[in-house]
Amino acid sequence: MAISRGEATYTMTWLDGENGMVLPNELKKVELNVMGFSPTQALLTLTYKFKNYDGCLSEIRAEAIKSL
């Protein structure tokens, strides 16, 4: 009820390896956020990170530096 009234948000995070959990498909983290605005409107976001995220970020930064 608090979410539907905009008084609270809900977040749930699943981490690979935490409490023996094994996420599929090379996922490292999955996060669900729910923010209510009214009894009939809410915003749900689902974000995820793969295990190779840091390597991908390094490649993106290297390419950005080369383009300067």
Protein backbone atom coordinates (compact mmCIF):
# COMPACT_ATOMS: atom_id res chain seq x y z
CA MET A 1 0.00 0.00 0.00
CA ALA A 2 2.85 2.39 0.83
CA ILE A 3 4.30 1.89 -2.66
CA SER A 4 0.97 2.69 -4.34
CA ARG A 5 0.71 5.89 -2.28
CA GLY A 6 4.22 6.99 -3.24
CA GLU A 7 5.36 6.74 0.38
CA ALA A 8 7.93 3.99 -0.19
CA THR A 9 10.02 2.31 -2.82
CA TYR A 10 10.99 -1.32 -3.12
CA THR A 11 14.35 -2.63 -4.25
CA MET A 12 15.49 -6.22 -4.58
CA THR A 13 19.02 -7.17 -5.61
CA TRP A 14 20.32 -10.60 -6.59
CA LEU A 15 24.11 -11.06 -6.68
CA ASP A 16 25.88 -14.01 -8.22
CA GLY A 17 27.56 -16.08 -5.54
CA GLU A 18 25.68 -14.43 -2.67
CA ASN A 19 24.14 -17.00 -0.31
CA GLY A 20 25.00 -19.74 -2.77
CA MET A 21 22.93 -18.15 -5.56
CA VAL A 22 24.08 -18.82 -9.10
CA LEU A 23 22.71 -16.40 -11.68
CA PRO A 24 22.32 -17.72 -15.24
CA ASN A 25 23.93 -16.55 -18.50
CA GLU A 26 27.06 -14.97 -17.03
CA LEU A 27 25.03 -12.45 -15.01
CA LYS A 28 26.75 -10.80 -12.04
CA LYS A 29 23.88 -8.70 -10.65
CA VAL A 30 20.14 -8.22 -11.22
CA GLU A 31 18.23 -5.41 -9.52
CA LEU A 32 14.50 -4.65 -9.46
CA ASN A 33 13.25 -1.23 -8.31
CA VAL A 34 9.60 -0.23 -7.85
CA MET A 35 8.52 3.35 -7.19
CA GLY A 36 4.83 4.10 -6.82
CA PHE A 37 3.21 7.37 -7.80
CA SER A 38 -0.43 6.57 -7.19
CA PRO A 39 -2.66 3.52 -6.75
CA THR A 40 -2.66 3.10 -10.54
CA GLN A 41 0.83 4.28 -11.57
CA ALA A 42 4.26 2.91 -10.76
CA LEU A 43 7.71 2.85 -12.30
CA LEU A 44 9.53 -0.49 -12.46
CA THR A 45 13.18 -0.69 -13.47
CA LEU A 46 15.14 -3.85 -14.03
CA THR A 47 18.89 -3.50 -14.35
CA TYR A 48 21.51 -6.17 -14.83
CA LYS A 49 25.28 -6.49 -15.08
CA PHE A 50 27.20 -9.23 -16.80
CA LYS A 51 30.44 -10.66 -15.40
CA ASN A 52 32.44 -9.01 -18.20
CA TYR A 53 31.07 -5.51 -17.43
CA ASP A 54 34.39 -4.10 -16.22
CA GLY A 55 36.20 -5.35 -19.32
CA CYS A 56 33.53 -3.84 -21.58
CA LEU A 57 33.76 -0.51 -19.77
CA SER A 58 37.55 -0.50 -20.22
CA GLU A 59 37.16 -1.09 -23.96
CA ILE A 60 34.60 1.70 -24.27
CA ARG A 61 36.90 4.13 -22.44
CA ALA A 62 39.88 3.13 -24.59
CA GLU A 63 37.87 3.73 -27.78
CA ALA A 64 36.68 7.11 -26.47
CA ILE A 65 40.27 8.15 -25.74
CA LYS A 66 41.40 7.07 -29.23
CA SER A 67 38.69 9.19 -30.83
CA LEU A 68 39.88 12.42 -29.17
